[in-house]
């Protein structure tokens, strides 16, 4: 199941280009997000590790990007991790993938989430983050490239969007991404409402399993997901190199 969830999650956040080098999948998306611009080793690490690292490094540097490796706990990555550390790669954002089996029954609570267009959702996401930068064109391109069934969701209070998130459904697996709540109105149940609404949407569409990714240090988010029924299923972390 680990690999299935991982492969589906990669499809849910597509890169613009991917190269599979003996099971080491290099992804490129003009540097936007580590997930879409890193090497994910889907198989057991295997032999010729130094050669594979060097080849991957050459591909990222040819695109003027720092090489990033995304290591999965279920592939026995200890040897690769040590070799990357010896090359000066730094660990960034140890994370968890959490999962939950979904029953065929509807949820007891039906929060009134709203379906947004891609552009309206991006504007809401940008406003909730209170970013001074313009909305990212690359972010829009990644979301527009998703081929799976997708719900761009928002939750409103007093006709104002206070939270948003994305549900992506592929082969019965529902991924929940990009959860954001307005900073001034956190701990009011808005993220819970978004998740429950997306879960209900997924169940109605035939989802049998849901997964969500969270940085291990984000204890409030982990506590929320566990309260909703998610459990840790595997870990991943990044090793980032610098030119």
Protein backbone atom coordinates (compact mmCIF):
# COMPACT_ATOMS: atom_id res chain seq x y z
CA UNK A 1 0.00 0.00 0.00
CA UNK A 2 2.89 2.37 0.72
CA UNK A 3 4.02 2.47 -2.89
CA UNK A 4 0.46 2.79 -4.18
CA UNK A 5 -0.19 5.82 -2.00
CA UNK A 6 3.16 7.31 -2.99
CA UNK A 7 2.63 6.87 -6.72
CA UNK A 8 -0.88 8.31 -6.52
CA UNK A 9 0.32 11.27 -4.47
CA UNK A 10 2.98 12.05 -7.09
CA UNK A 11 0.29 12.07 -9.80
CA UNK A 12 -1.80 14.35 -7.61
CA UNK A 13 0.97 16.98 -7.61
CA UNK A 14 2.31 16.77 -11.17
CA UNK A 15 5.65 18.05 -12.34
CA UNK A 16 6.24 19.50 -15.80
CA UNK A 17 8.94 16.94 -16.56
CA UNK A 18 9.92 13.58 -15.08
CA UNK A 19 12.87 11.24 -15.73
CA UNK A 20 12.86 7.69 -14.37
CA UNK A 21 16.44 6.51 -13.84
CA UNK A 22 16.27 2.89 -12.62
CA UNK A 23 13.40 3.68 -10.27
CA UNK A 24 14.85 7.02 -9.17
CA UNK A 25 12.21 9.48 -10.40
CA UNK A 26 13.51 12.99 -11.04
CA UNK A 27 10.81 15.65 -11.24
CA UNK A 28 11.10 19.24 -12.43
CA UNK A 29 8.64 22.15 -12.14
CA UNK A 30 10.75 25.30 -12.42
CA UNK A 31 11.68 25.08 -8.74
CA UNK A 32 8.15 25.47 -7.31
CA UNK A 33 7.83 23.19 -4.24
CA UNK A 34 10.32 20.51 -3.23
CA UNK A 35 7.83 17.73 -4.02
CA UNK A 36 7.68 18.65 -7.70
CA UNK A 37 11.43 19.31 -7.95
CA UNK A 38 13.11 16.37 -6.29
CA UNK A 39 14.26 12.79 -6.78
CA UNK A 40 11.87 10.25 -5.29
CA UNK A 41 13.32 6.75 -4.98
CA UNK A 42 10.30 4.45 -5.34
CA UNK A 43 12.12 1.12 -5.34
CA UNK A 44 14.65 -0.35 -2.95
CA UNK A 45 17.77 1.81 -3.21
CA UNK A 46 19.76 -0.86 -5.09
CA UNK A 47 23.33 -0.78 -6.37
CA UNK A 48 25.47 1.89 -8.04
CA UNK A 49 24.27 4.51 -5.59
CA UNK A 50 27.12 6.94 -6.23
CA UNK A 51 26.60 6.78 -9.99
CA UNK A 52 22.87 7.41 -9.60
CA UNK A 53 23.41 10.34 -7.26
CA UNK A 54 25.89 11.90 -9.68
CA UNK A 55 23.54 11.43 -12.62
CA UNK A 56 20.63 13.00 -10.74
CA UNK A 57 22.81 15.91 -9.67
CA UNK A 58 23.81 16.55 -13.27
CA UNK A 59 20.17 16.74 -14.38
CA UNK A 60 19.21 19.31 -11.74
CA UNK A 61 22.30 21.42 -12.26
CA UNK A 62 21.72 21.39 -16.01
CA UNK A 63 18.39 23.08 -15.20
CA UNK A 64 20.07 25.49 -12.76
CA UNK A 65 18.34 23.92 -9.75
CA UNK A 66 19.79 22.63 -6.51
CA UNK A 67 19.48 18.82 -6.38
CA UNK A 68 16.94 17.55 -3.84
CA UNK A 69 16.34 13.94 -2.86
CA UNK A 70 13.10 12.79 -1.26
CA UNK A 71 13.69 9.66 0.83
CA UNK A 72 10.88 7.26 1.74
CA UNK A 73 11.07 5.19 4.91
CA UNK A 74 9.70 2.03 3.27
CA UNK A 75 12.55 1.81 0.71
CA UNK A 76 15.27 1.22 3.33
CA UNK A 77 17.05 4.50 2.50
CA UNK A 78 19.69 4.41 5.25
CA UNK A 79 22.69 3.87 2.94
CA UNK A 80 21.54 6.56 0.51
CA UNK A 81 20.84 8.92 3.39
CA UNK A 82 24.39 8.49 4.73
CA UNK A 83 25.94 9.01 1.31
CA UNK A 84 23.97 12.21 0.77
CA UNK A 85 24.93 13.45 4.22
CA UNK A 86 28.59 12.78 3.38
CA UNK A 87 28.18 14.95 0.27
CA UNK A 88 26.88 17.82 2.40
CA UNK A 89 23.15 17.39 1.79
CA UNK A 90 21.03 18.81 4.61
CA UNK A 91 17.84 17.28 6.00
CA UNK A 92 14.76 19.44 5.44
CA UNK A 93 11.20 18.93 6.69
CA UNK A 94 10.90 15.35 7.99
CA UNK A 95 7.26 14.53 7.23
CA UNK A 96 4.56 11.92 7.65
CA UNK A 97 2.06 10.46 5.26
CA UNK A 98 -1.08 9.69 7.24
CA UNK A 99 -3.92 7.54 6.01
CA UNK A 100 -7.45 6.44 6.85
CA UNK A 101 -9.73 3.78 5.42
CA UNK A 102 -13.14 5.18 4.50
CA UNK A 103 -16.37 3.33 5.18
CA UNK A 104 -19.24 3.33 2.75
CA UNK A 105 -21.34 5.22 5.27
CA UNK A 106 -21.81 8.96 5.06
CA UNK A 107 -20.30 11.17 7.71
CA UNK A 108 -22.53 12.39 10.51
CA UNK A 109 -21.53 16.00 9.94
CA UNK A 110 -22.02 17.62 6.56
CA UNK A 111 -20.22 20.96 6.57
CA UNK A 112 -21.27 23.28 3.77
CA UNK A 113 -18.08 23.58 1.76
CA UNK A 114 -18.11 25.39 -1.54
CA UNK A 115 -16.68 24.37 -4.89
CA UNK A 116 -14.50 27.06 -6.40
CA UNK A 117 -13.03 27.50 -9.85
CA UNK A 118 -9.27 27.12 -10.06
CA UNK A 119 -8.70 30.86 -10.39
CA UNK A 120 -11.09 31.76 -7.56
CA UNK A 121 -9.50 29.13 -5.33
CA UNK A 122 -6.01 30.45 -6.05
CA UNK A 123 -7.12 33.97 -5.15
CA UNK A 124 -8.64 32.71 -1.89
CA UNK A 125 -5.49 30.72 -1.09
CA UNK A 126 -3.34 33.79 -1.74
CA UNK A 127 -5.54 36.03 0.42
CA UNK A 128 -5.65 33.56 3.32
CA UNK A 129 -1.86 33.31 3.30
CA UNK A 130 -1.68 37.13 3.35
CA UNK A 131 1.23 36.92 0.96
CA UNK A 132 2.73 40.13 -0.35
CA UNK A 133 3.87 38.35 -3.49
CA UNK A 134 1.70 37.87 -6.53
CA UNK A 135 -0.02 34.47 -6.90
CA UNK A 136 2.42 32.02 -8.45
CA UNK A 137 1.93 31.27 -12.13
CA UNK A 138 3.76 27.97 -11.63
CA UNK A 139 1.38 26.99 -8.80
CA UNK A 140 -1.53 27.53 -11.18
CA UNK A 141 0.17 25.49 -13.90
CA UNK A 142 0.71 22.57 -11.51
CA UNK A 143 -2.91 22.59 -10.36
CA UNK A 144 -4.18 22.94 -13.93
CA UNK A 145 -2.11 19.90 -14.93
CA UNK A 146 -3.83 17.57 -12.44
CA UNK A 147 -5.59 14.87 -14.43
CA UNK A 148 -7.43 13.24 -11.51
CA UNK A 149 -10.87 14.33 -10.35
CA UNK A 150 -10.35 17.44 -8.24
CA UNK A 151 -12.41 19.59 -5.90
CA UNK A 152 -11.16 23.10 -5.11
CA UNK A 153 -12.98 23.72 -1.84
CA UNK A 154 -13.61 26.70 0.42
CA UNK A 155 -15.43 27.24 3.69
CA UNK A 156 -17.17 30.52 4.46
CA UNK A 157 -18.29 32.41 7.54
CA UNK A 158 -20.48 35.49 7.06
CA UNK A 159 -20.04 35.06 3.32
CA UNK A 160 -16.25 35.35 3.66
CA UNK A 161 -13.82 32.53 2.84
CA UNK A 162 -11.98 31.55 6.02
CA UNK A 163 -10.41 28.26 4.90
CA UNK A 164 -9.67 26.36 1.72
CA UNK A 165 -8.22 23.06 0.55
CA UNK A 166 -8.06 20.64 -2.36
CA UNK A 167 -9.35 17.08 -2.70
CA UNK A 168 -7.80 14.93 -5.43
CA UNK A 169 -9.34 11.53 -6.17
CA UNK A 170 -7.49 8.81 -8.05
CA UNK A 171 -8.36 5.08 -8.17
CA UNK A 172 -10.35 5.27 -4.94
CA UNK A 173 -7.63 7.17 -3.06
CA UNK A 174 -8.50 10.67 -1.86
CA UNK A 175 -5.58 13.01 -1.23
CA UNK A 176 -6.13 16.24 0.71
CA UNK A 177 -3.75 19.07 -0.11
CA UNK A 178 -3.09 22.77 0.42
CA UNK A 179 -5.14 23.27 3.58
CA UNK A 180 -5.09 26.93 4.62
CA UNK A 181 -7.00 28.80 7.34
CA UNK A 182 -6.92 32.54 7.83
CA UNK A 183 -4.36 33.17 10.61
CA UNK A 184 -6.72 35.31 12.70
CA UNK A 185 -9.42 32.62 12.84
CA UNK A 186 -7.58 29.40 13.57
CA UNK A 187 -8.73 26.82 16.15
CA UNK A 188 -12.38 27.43 15.25
CA UNK A 189 -12.96 24.18 13.38
CA UNK A 190 -12.65 25.57 9.87
CA UNK A 191 -9.89 23.16 8.78
CA UNK A 192 -11.96 20.31 10.21
CA UNK A 193 -14.93 21.48 8.17
CA UNK A 194 -12.87 21.54 4.97
CA UNK A 195 -11.48 18.03 5.60
CA UNK A 196 -14.87 16.57 6.51
CA UNK A 197 -16.45 18.15 3.47
CA UNK A 198 -13.74 16.75 1.20
CA UNK A 199 -14.05 13.32 2.83
CA UNK A 200 -17.79 13.31 2.19
CA UNK A 201 -17.20 14.35 -1.42
CA UNK A 202 -14.68 11.53 -1.80
CA UNK A 203 -16.99 8.95 -0.22
CA UNK A 204 -19.78 10.02 -2.54
CA UNK A 205 -17.38 9.48 -5.45
CA UNK A 206 -16.38 6.00 -4.27
CA UNK A 207 -13.18 6.72 -2.34
CA UNK A 208 -12.07 3.86 -0.09
CA UNK A 209 -8.95 5.47 1.41
CA UNK A 210 -7.76 8.98 2.22
CA UNK A 211 -4.23 10.23 2.74
CA UNK A 212 -2.72 13.50 3.87
CA UNK A 213 0.87 14.71 4.24
CA UNK A 214 2.13 16.72 7.20
CA UNK A 215 5.47 18.03 8.46
CA UNK A 216 6.34 16.04 11.59
CA UNK A 217 7.01 19.20 13.61
CA UNK A 218 3.48 20.50 12.94
CA UNK A 219 1.96 19.02 16.09
CA UNK A 220 -1.39 20.90 15.93
CA UNK A 221 -2.05 19.60 12.40
CA UNK A 222 -1.03 16.06 13.33
CA UNK A 223 -3.33 16.14 16.36
CA UNK A 224 -6.20 17.34 14.18
CA UNK A 225 -5.68 14.60 11.59
CA UNK A 226 -5.43 11.92 14.27
CA UNK A 227 -8.65 13.19 15.85
CA UNK A 228 -10.35 12.78 12.48
CA UNK A 229 -9.11 9.18 12.19
CA UNK A 230 -5.84 9.44 10.23
CA UNK A 231 -2.89 7.31 11.32
CA UNK A 232 0.80 7.51 10.28
CA UNK A 233 1.63 5.03 7.51
CA UNK A 234 5.15 6.06 6.42
CA UNK A 235 7.71 8.82 6.69
CA UNK A 236 9.68 10.85 4.18
CA UNK A 237 12.26 13.59 4.33
CA UNK A 238 14.28 15.73 1.97
CA UNK A 239 18.03 15.95 1.54
CA UNK A 240 18.89 19.26 -0.13
CA UNK A 241 22.16 19.94 -1.89
CA UNK A 242 23.57 23.35 -2.65
CA UNK A 243 25.54 24.42 -5.70
